């Protein structure tokens, strides 16, 4: 029931899941339907056939794998408290569905943000090139008891129309370009106001030592509870910021709040911050961040900067210079989401790294898949040879912890340890942890 290439749900599993969600159910003796709690989108990659023709089918497969990983990362970020499904239906067509309540406005903007995320450049070392794919997305709210086949047919028809219409990147099945609600300009204004009113909240994903299971710190994650759109995670939030050309302001806001919060943590706890493309493109990044750290009163030696592959594509050499300067202040650098997408080993050669942070797909099969274990063991062995510590994320089972510990990984994070916590909850968690 899994797609052989990407590991996402297969078309068969997608149909079975939608059928289950759309089926009527009984609550307290009354039969009801749950159609109002289901949202579905179909993402199509119009240029994937061109990639296959230009670079070969293997390049196309690598691009599809990268897109699948980005979809997973996006879904995990935006739907952490909801029931969701990500599937590859065929070729370059991917289905994303959520069972919980979601306003049309939020679903529209999540589709826009996902399209932005998927369209980031993709490095293909095998062909010494950089690819860009331009997705189109069909979105809908299924009607009561609408069958999976009807849902998928309507989405496919709408996606075909969207791919034929210039400027229509996201199209609703009923033909609307935008549902009633906030316009792009209004959302951008909302974001600026939210920054001024300190409405962008930071939550903290605890991190633990694999050696003794002690709490060692947390990763800062941005959240925005918009009054009309509801919960927006970091991907949707930064998509809006990019449209408003305020990514740098948002990134600095997150850093200031997180560093101020972490300054009152127990002295040994580390903070991890994510680095954005806007940070690296700024010539002042390596000098402004130490100033922000100093103003917060935080020890720079307890700060880890996490960077993902797509952030590095624009200017790897500049990134190496910036991180070298920041490491001179005592900060550490982690290459995030390693194992997802292309795993560009050139980064390991050029960047001044301290950690490899493995994507959750690298640990999912531990305990029941010998090939996954062999790959995991090989990555950890390589990291040790390069004097890099290994962080594993997305850990949800005790056997994953045991295997990661036995193989020599250093740190883990995931729901088995704790879900992301707000400032006060994390302080309480940290204070109580030794006695848990």
Protein backbone atom coordinates (compact mmCIF):
# COMPACT_ATOMS: atom_id res chain seq x y z
CA UNK A 1 0.00 0.00 0.00
CA UNK A 2 3.05 2.27 -0.41
CA UNK A 3 4.43 3.86 -3.55
CA UNK A 4 7.64 2.00 -4.45
CA UNK A 5 9.60 5.11 -5.43
CA UNK A 6 8.66 7.70 -2.82
CA UNK A 7 7.37 5.71 0.14
CA UNK A 8 4.20 7.80 0.22
CA UNK A 9 0.79 6.14 0.33
CA UNK A 10 -0.18 4.43 -2.91
CA UNK A 11 -3.21 5.31 -5.02
CA UNK A 12 -4.98 2.24 -3.58
CA UNK A 13 -4.33 3.34 -0.01
CA UNK A 14 -5.47 6.86 -0.85
CA UNK A 15 -8.78 5.55 -2.20
CA UNK A 16 -9.28 3.29 0.81
CA UNK A 17 -8.55 6.13 3.23
CA UNK A 18 -10.88 8.58 1.49
CA UNK A 19 -13.61 5.91 1.44
CA UNK A 20 -13.23 5.47 5.19
CA UNK A 21 -13.29 9.20 5.84
CA UNK A 22 -16.34 9.74 3.63
CA UNK A 23 -18.35 6.86 5.10
CA UNK A 24 -21.20 7.81 7.46
CA UNK A 25 -20.67 6.99 11.12
CA UNK A 26 -22.80 6.79 14.23
CA UNK A 27 -22.41 8.97 17.29
CA UNK A 28 -24.75 8.41 20.22
CA UNK A 29 -27.13 6.43 18.02
CA UNK A 30 -27.41 9.06 15.29
CA UNK A 31 -25.95 8.53 11.82
CA UNK A 32 -23.99 11.55 10.62
CA UNK A 33 -21.52 12.30 7.88
CA UNK A 34 -18.17 13.98 8.32
CA UNK A 35 -17.76 15.59 4.92
CA UNK A 36 -17.35 19.05 6.41
CA UNK A 37 -14.14 17.85 8.08
CA UNK A 38 -12.37 16.73 4.91
CA UNK A 39 -10.19 18.78 2.54
CA UNK A 40 -8.29 17.39 -0.44
CA UNK A 41 -5.73 18.76 -2.91
CA UNK A 42 -4.05 17.26 -5.97
CA UNK A 43 -0.59 18.58 -6.89
CA UNK A 44 0.67 18.03 -10.43
CA UNK A 45 4.17 18.57 -11.83
CA UNK A 46 3.76 19.69 -15.40
CA UNK A 47 7.48 19.63 -16.29
CA UNK A 48 8.40 16.18 -15.02
CA UNK A 49 8.15 14.68 -18.54
CA UNK A 50 10.54 17.38 -19.77
CA UNK A 51 13.02 16.47 -17.03
CA UNK A 52 12.84 12.82 -18.09
CA UNK A 53 13.49 13.73 -21.71
CA UNK A 54 16.31 16.17 -20.97
CA UNK A 55 18.17 14.30 -18.23
CA UNK A 56 16.83 10.76 -18.24
CA UNK A 57 14.29 8.82 -16.19
CA UNK A 58 16.65 8.49 -13.22
CA UNK A 59 16.83 12.29 -12.90
CA UNK A 60 13.05 12.43 -13.03
CA UNK A 61 12.83 9.80 -10.30
CA UNK A 62 15.24 11.75 -8.11
CA UNK A 63 13.17 14.89 -8.62
CA UNK A 64 9.96 13.03 -7.70
CA UNK A 65 11.62 11.70 -4.57
CA UNK A 66 12.68 15.21 -3.56
CA UNK A 67 9.16 16.55 -4.13
CA UNK A 68 7.71 13.70 -2.05
CA UNK A 69 10.06 14.55 0.82
CA UNK A 70 9.07 18.21 0.64
CA UNK A 71 5.39 17.25 0.73
CA UNK A 72 6.00 15.09 3.80
CA UNK A 73 7.96 17.84 5.53
CA UNK A 74 5.23 20.35 4.75
CA UNK A 75 2.43 18.06 5.96
CA UNK A 76 4.23 17.19 9.18
CA UNK A 77 4.76 20.88 9.88
CA UNK A 78 1.28 22.12 9.05
CA UNK A 79 -0.89 19.18 10.15
CA UNK A 80 0.87 18.04 13.31
CA UNK A 81 -2.37 17.89 15.31
CA UNK A 82 -4.59 16.62 12.48
CA UNK A 83 -5.24 13.36 10.64
CA UNK A 84 -3.70 13.61 7.20
CA UNK A 85 -2.63 11.60 4.18
CA UNK A 86 0.06 12.14 1.53
CA UNK A 87 0.03 9.87 -1.51
CA UNK A 88 1.57 9.57 -4.96
CA UNK A 89 -1.17 8.68 -7.43
CA UNK A 90 0.80 8.41 -10.66
CA UNK A 91 3.71 10.10 -12.43
CA UNK A 92 4.03 13.61 -11.04
CA UNK A 93 0.61 13.69 -9.32
CA UNK A 94 0.45 13.79 -5.52
CA UNK A 95 -2.60 13.81 -3.25
CA UNK A 96 -2.75 15.57 0.14
CA UNK A 97 -5.84 15.17 2.30
CA UNK A 98 -6.76 16.26 5.82
CA UNK A 99 -9.63 14.87 7.86
CA UNK A 100 -9.97 17.57 10.51
CA UNK A 101 -11.84 20.84 10.08
CA UNK A 102 -10.05 23.34 7.88
CA UNK A 103 -11.49 26.58 6.54
CA UNK A 104 -11.47 27.16 2.76
CA UNK A 105 -9.22 30.17 3.32
CA UNK A 106 -6.65 28.12 5.20
CA UNK A 107 -6.77 25.29 2.62
CA UNK A 108 -6.23 27.83 -0.17
CA UNK A 109 -3.19 29.29 1.52
CA UNK A 110 -1.74 25.94 2.45
CA UNK A 111 -1.95 25.00 -1.24
CA UNK A 112 -0.21 28.24 -2.20
CA UNK A 113 2.51 27.68 0.41
CA UNK A 114 3.04 24.07 -0.69
CA UNK A 115 3.38 25.20 -4.31
CA UNK A 116 6.04 27.71 -3.22
CA UNK A 117 7.89 25.05 -1.24
CA UNK A 118 7.86 22.47 -4.04
CA UNK A 119 9.05 25.01 -6.61
CA UNK A 120 12.31 25.71 -4.75
CA UNK A 121 15.36 24.70 -6.83
CA UNK A 122 16.41 21.04 -6.77
CA UNK A 123 20.08 20.18 -7.12
CA UNK A 124 20.89 17.21 -9.37
CA UNK A 125 24.57 16.39 -8.95
CA UNK A 126 24.37 13.45 -11.37
CA UNK A 127 23.76 15.93 -14.21
CA UNK A 128 25.60 18.91 -12.69
CA UNK A 129 22.41 20.92 -12.92
CA UNK A 130 19.69 22.58 -10.90
CA UNK A 131 16.05 21.76 -11.63
CA UNK A 132 12.92 23.75 -10.93
CA UNK A 133 9.45 22.28 -11.14
CA UNK A 134 6.36 24.44 -11.37
CA UNK A 135 3.41 22.72 -9.69
CA UNK A 136 -0.28 23.34 -10.20
CA UNK A 137 -2.78 22.35 -7.51
CA UNK A 138 -6.48 21.49 -7.57
CA UNK A 139 -8.29 21.87 -4.24
CA UNK A 140 -11.73 20.87 -3.00
CA UNK A 141 -14.02 20.03 -0.11
CA UNK A 142 -15.72 16.74 -0.98
CA UNK A 143 -19.49 16.67 -0.74
CA UNK A 144 -21.29 14.36 1.66
CA UNK A 145 -20.71 10.69 0.85
CA UNK A 146 -18.88 11.58 -2.38
CA UNK A 147 -16.92 8.49 -3.46
CA UNK A 148 -13.11 8.43 -3.82
CA UNK A 149 -13.36 7.85 -7.57
CA UNK A 150 -15.57 10.91 -8.01
CA UNK A 151 -13.27 13.00 -5.80
CA UNK A 152 -10.16 12.00 -7.73
CA UNK A 153 -11.85 12.47 -11.14
CA UNK A 154 -13.01 15.98 -10.22
CA UNK A 155 -9.56 16.88 -8.91
CA UNK A 156 -7.89 15.53 -12.08
CA UNK A 157 -10.22 17.52 -14.34
CA UNK A 158 -9.57 20.70 -12.35
CA UNK A 159 -5.80 20.12 -12.33
CA UNK A 160 -5.84 19.80 -16.12
CA UNK A 161 -7.61 23.17 -16.36
CA UNK A 162 -5.14 24.76 -13.95
CA UNK A 163 -2.20 23.50 -16.00
CA UNK A 164 -3.68 25.06 -19.13
CA UNK A 165 -4.31 28.46 -17.51
CA UNK A 166 -1.39 30.81 -17.03
CA UNK A 167 -1.35 32.40 -13.61
CA UNK A 168 -3.79 29.88 -12.09
CA UNK A 169 -1.47 27.96 -9.83
CA UNK A 170 -4.22 26.91 -7.40
CA UNK A 171 -7.75 26.25 -8.65
CA UNK A 172 -10.81 25.08 -6.76
CA UNK A 173 -12.91 22.29 -8.22
CA UNK A 174 -15.89 24.63 -8.39
CA UNK A 175 -13.87 27.05 -10.55
CA UNK A 176 -13.03 29.72 -7.98
CA UNK A 177 -9.51 31.09 -8.07
CA UNK A 178 -9.78 32.27 -4.49
CA UNK A 179 -12.42 31.43 -1.89
CA UNK A 180 -14.08 34.30 -0.10
CA UNK A 181 -11.80 35.59 2.62
CA UNK A 182 -8.46 37.32 2.96
CA UNK A 183 -6.72 38.53 -0.19
CA UNK A 184 -2.98 38.22 -0.65
CA UNK A 185 -2.47 41.88 0.18
CA UNK A 186 -4.62 41.57 3.30
CA UNK A 187 -2.68 38.55 4.51
CA UNK A 188 0.61 40.33 4.00
CA UNK A 189 -0.71 43.28 6.00
CA UNK A 190 -1.93 40.85 8.66
CA UNK A 191 1.58 39.44 8.95
CA UNK A 192 3.17 42.84 9.42
CA UNK A 193 0.61 43.64 12.11
CA UNK A 194 1.20 40.26 13.74
CA UNK A 195 4.93 40.98 13.94
CA UNK A 196 4.28 44.37 15.50
CA UNK A 197 1.82 42.86 18.01
CA UNK A 198 4.07 39.88 18.79
CA UNK A 199 1.44 37.39 17.61
CA UNK A 200 3.90 35.01 15.95
CA UNK A 201 4.46 32.36 18.59
CA UNK A 202 7.41 30.05 19.05
CA UNK A 203 7.10 26.46 20.22
CA UNK A 204 9.97 24.21 21.23
CA UNK A 205 10.55 20.61 20.14
CA UNK A 206 12.59 18.95 22.94
CA UNK A 207 15.80 17.14 22.04
CA UNK A 208 17.33 14.29 24.06
CA UNK A 209 20.69 12.61 24.43
CA UNK A 210 20.77 9.03 23.18
CA UNK A 211 23.56 8.25 25.61
CA UNK A 212 21.55 8.73 28.81
CA UNK A 213 18.12 10.01 27.63
CA UNK A 214 18.73 13.38 29.26
CA UNK A 215 17.09 16.57 27.95
CA UNK A 216 19.73 18.60 26.11
CA UNK A 217 17.71 21.38 24.47
CA UNK A 218 15.04 22.16 21.90
CA UNK A 219 14.43 23.30 18.33
CA UNK A 220 12.49 26.55 17.89
CA UNK A 221 9.50 26.35 15.52
CA UNK A 222 7.29 29.26 14.43
CA UNK A 223 3.48 29.18 14.58
CA UNK A 224 0.76 31.69 13.75
CA UNK A 225 -2.87 31.31 14.78
CA UNK A 226 -4.51 33.62 12.27
CA UNK A 227 -7.94 34.86 13.41
CA UNK A 228 -9.57 33.69 10.15
CA UNK A 229 -7.25 31.09 8.64
CA UNK A 230 -6.51 29.30 11.88
CA UNK A 231 -3.22 27.49 12.55
CA UNK A 232 -0.36 28.19 10.14
CA UNK A 233 2.99 26.48 10.55
CA UNK A 234 6.38 27.72 9.47
CA UNK A 235 6.07 26.78 5.78
CA UNK A 236 2.81 28.65 5.21
CA UNK A 237 4.00 31.50 7.41
CA UNK A 238 7.20 32.00 5.43
CA UNK A 239 5.32 31.71 2.14
CA UNK A 240 3.25 34.73 3.14
CA UNK A 241 6.40 36.53 4.31
CA UNK A 242 8.09 35.90 0.94
CA UNK A 243 5.15 37.48 -0.89
CA UNK A 244 5.37 40.51 1.39
CA UNK A 245 9.18 40.61 1.11
CA UNK A 246 9.44 40.40 4.89
CA UNK A 247 11.25 37.08 5.35
CA UNK A 248 14.23 38.80 6.98
CA UNK A 249 11.99 40.58 9.51
CA UNK A 250 10.14 37.36 10.32
CA UNK A 251 13.38 35.41 10.69
CA UNK A 252 14.85 38.05 13.01
CA UNK A 253 11.65 38.11 15.06
CA UNK A 254 11.82 34.34 15.54
CA UNK A 255 15.48 34.53 16.53
CA UNK A 256 14.91 37.36 19.03
CA UNK A 257 11.95 35.67 20.71
CA UNK A 258 13.55 32.23 20.84
CA UNK A 259 16.87 33.52 22.16
CA UNK A 260 15.12 35.61 24.83
CA UNK A 261 13.11 32.55 25.89
CA UNK A 262 16.16 30.29 25.92
CA UNK A 263 18.17 32.79 27.97
CA UNK A 264 16.17 31.74 31.07
CA UNK A 265 16.43 28.00 30.46
CA UNK A 266 18.64 25.87 32.70
CA UNK A 267 22.26 26.70 31.82
CA UNK A 268 23.09 23.46 29.99
CA UNK A 269 20.18 23.42 27.52
CA UNK A 270 20.87 24.14 23.85
CA UNK A 271 18.69 26.04 21.36
CA UNK A 272 18.41 25.14 17.66
CA UNK A 273 17.38 27.79 15.13
CA UNK A 274 16.56 27.25 11.46
CA UNK A 275 18.39 29.39 8.92
CA UNK A 276 16.42 30.76 5.94
CA UNK A 277 17.53 31.68 2.40
CA UNK A 278 16.93 35.34 3.30
CA UNK A 279 19.37 35.00 6.18
CA UNK A 280 22.12 33.66 3.95
CA UNK A 281 21.49 36.15 1.16
CA UNK A 282 22.01 39.00 3.60
CA UNK A 283 25.60 40.11 3.77
CA UNK A 284 25.04 41.14 7.39
CA UNK A 285 23.83 37.75 8.67
CA UNK A 286 27.15 36.72 10.21
CA UNK A 287 27.44 40.04 12.05
CA UNK A 288 23.80 40.73 12.99
CA UNK A 289 23.12 37.33 14.60
CA UNK A 290 25.87 37.69 17.25
CA UNK A 291 24.39 41.10 18.11
CA UNK A 292 20.92 39.57 18.58
CA UNK A 293 22.44 36.82 20.73
CA UNK A 294 24.25 39.37 22.86
CA UNK A 295 21.11 41.45 23.36
CA UNK A 296 19.25 38.34 24.54
CA UNK A 297 22.00 37.41 26.98
CA UNK A 298 22.28 33.91 25.54
CA UNK A 299 25.51 31.91 25.40
CA UNK A 300 26.39 31.50 21.69
CA UNK A 301 28.14 28.21 22.48
CA UNK A 302 24.70 26.76 23.28
CA UNK A 303 23.24 27.72 19.89
CA UNK A 304 22.92 25.36 16.91
CA UNK A 305 22.03 26.70 13.47
CA UNK A 306 20.11 24.24 11.27
CA UNK A 307 20.19 24.56 7.50
CA UNK A 308 18.45 22.47 4.83
CA UNK A 309 19.65 21.59 1.34
CA UNK A 310 17.29 23.85 -0.61
CA UNK A 311 18.52 26.85 1.43
CA UNK A 312 22.08 26.16 0.30
CA UNK A 313 21.44 25.95 -3.43
CA UNK A 314 21.66 29.68 -4.14
CA UNK A 315 25.20 30.32 -2.87
CA UNK A 316 27.01 27.48 -1.16
CA UNK A 317 30.31 29.35 -0.96
CA UNK A 318 28.71 32.33 0.80
CA UNK A 319 26.99 29.96 3.23
CA UNK A 320 30.34 28.32 4.05
CA UNK A 321 31.91 31.72 4.78
CA UNK A 322 28.97 32.85 6.94
CA UNK A 323 28.89 29.67 8.99
CA UNK A 324 32.65 29.71 9.48
CA UNK A 325 32.36 33.21 10.92
CA UNK A 326 29.51 32.16 13.22
CA UNK A 327 31.35 29.06 14.39
CA UNK A 328 34.17 31.37 15.46
CA UNK A 329 31.70 32.72 18.03
CA UNK A 330 31.15 29.19 19.38
CA UNK A 331 27.93 28.33 17.54
CA UNK A 332 27.42 24.91 15.97
CA UNK A 333 26.01 24.06 12.55
CA UNK A 334 23.71 21.17 11.59
CA UNK A 335 22.79 20.01 8.08
CA UNK A 336 19.07 19.34 8.46
CA UNK A 337 16.89 16.75 6.67
CA UNK A 338 19.89 14.69 5.58
CA UNK A 339 18.69 11.58 3.79
CA UNK A 340 15.74 13.34 2.17
CA UNK A 341 16.10 14.19 -1.49
CA UNK A 342 19.54 14.15 -3.05
CA UNK A 343 21.93 14.01 -0.04
CA UNK A 344 24.48 16.30 -1.72
CA UNK A 345 27.83 15.10 -0.33
CA UNK A 346 29.52 18.27 -1.57
CA UNK A 347 27.95 20.02 1.41
CA UNK A 348 29.88 17.72 3.74
CA UNK A 349 33.09 18.78 2.04
CA UNK A 350 32.57 22.54 1.95
CA UNK A 351 30.48 23.42 5.00
CA UNK A 352 31.87 23.75 8.55
CA UNK A 353 29.43 21.25 10.07
CA UNK A 354 29.07 19.79 13.55
CA UNK A 355 25.95 17.66 13.09
CA UNK A 356 24.10 15.64 10.50
CA UNK A 357 20.38 15.73 11.27
CA UNK A 358 18.72 12.75 9.63
CA UNK A 359 15.30 13.08 8.09
CA UNK A 360 12.54 11.00 9.68
CA UNK A 361 12.47 8.73 6.62
CA UNK A 362 15.90 7.47 7.67
CA UNK A 363 14.54 6.07 10.94
CA UNK A 364 11.00 4.97 10.03
CA UNK A 365 12.05 1.48 8.98
CA UNK A 366 14.50 0.81 11.80
CA UNK A 367 13.51 -2.34 13.65
CA UNK A 368 11.77 -4.08 10.75
CA UNK A 369 13.69 -3.31 7.54
CA UNK A 370 17.24 -4.60 7.14
CA UNK A 371 17.99 -2.26 4.23
CA UNK A 372 16.96 0.77 6.28
CA UNK A 373 19.25 -0.40 9.06
CA UNK A 374 22.14 -0.86 6.63
CA UNK A 375 21.65 2.65 5.22
CA UNK A 376 21.36 4.15 8.71
CA UNK A 377 24.50 2.32 9.84
CA UNK A 378 26.40 3.53 6.79
CA UNK A 379 25.43 7.17 7.36
CA UNK A 380 26.42 7.06 11.03
CA UNK A 381 29.76 5.45 10.13
CA UNK A 382 30.42 8.16 7.53
CA UNK A 383 29.48 10.89 10.02
CA UNK A 384 31.90 9.50 12.60
CA UNK A 385 34.68 9.47 10.01
CA UNK A 386 33.98 13.17 9.39
CA UNK A 387 33.81 13.87 13.15
CA UNK A 388 30.12 14.78 12.94
CA UNK A 389 27.48 13.91 15.55
CA UNK A 390 24.20 12.46 14.27
CA UNK A 391 20.77 13.79 15.26
CA UNK A 392 17.68 11.73 14.39
CA UNK A 393 14.26 13.34 14.17
CA UNK A 394 10.75 12.00 13.87
CA UNK A 395 11.41 9.28 16.45
CA UNK A 396 8.13 7.71 17.56
CA UNK A 397 9.04 4.22 18.83
CA UNK A 398 11.28 2.86 21.56
CA UNK A 399 12.95 0.39 19.18
CA UNK A 400 14.08 3.31 17.01
CA UNK A 401 15.74 4.86 20.06
CA UNK A 402 17.47 1.59 20.96
CA UNK A 403 18.83 1.03 17.45
CA UNK A 404 19.94 4.64 17.02
CA UNK A 405 21.77 4.40 20.35
CA UNK A 406 23.43 1.09 19.45
CA UNK A 407 24.59 2.43 16.09
CA UNK A 408 26.20 5.49 17.65
CA UNK A 409 23.81 8.40 16.95
CA UNK A 410 24.00 11.18 19.53
CA UNK A 411 20.65 13.00 19.78
CA UNK A 412 16.99 12.34 19.03
CA UNK A 413 13.77 14.30 18.87
CA UNK A 414 10.22 13.19 18.19
CA UNK A 415 6.80 12.66 19.68
CA UNK A 416 7.99 9.73 21.79
CA UNK A 417 10.02 12.23 23.79
CA UNK A 418 7.62 15.17 23.65
CA UNK A 419 5.54 17.17 21.21
CA UNK A 420 6.39 20.84 20.56
CA UNK A 421 5.71 22.91 23.68
CA UNK A 422 5.07 26.61 24.17
CA UNK A 423 7.47 28.71 26.25
CA UNK A 424 5.90 28.11 29.65
CA UNK A 425 5.18 24.44 29.01
CA UNK A 426 8.78 23.83 27.95
CA UNK A 427 10.11 25.54 31.08
CA UNK A 428 7.90 23.28 33.21
CA UNK A 429 8.94 20.25 31.17
CA UNK A 430 12.63 21.10 31.62
CA UNK A 431 12.23 21.66 35.35
CA UNK A 432 10.35 18.38 35.88
CA UNK A 433 12.29 16.23 33.40
CA UNK A 434 14.93 14.79 35.76
CA UNK A 435 12.15 13.41 37.97
CA UNK A 436 10.00 12.03 35.14
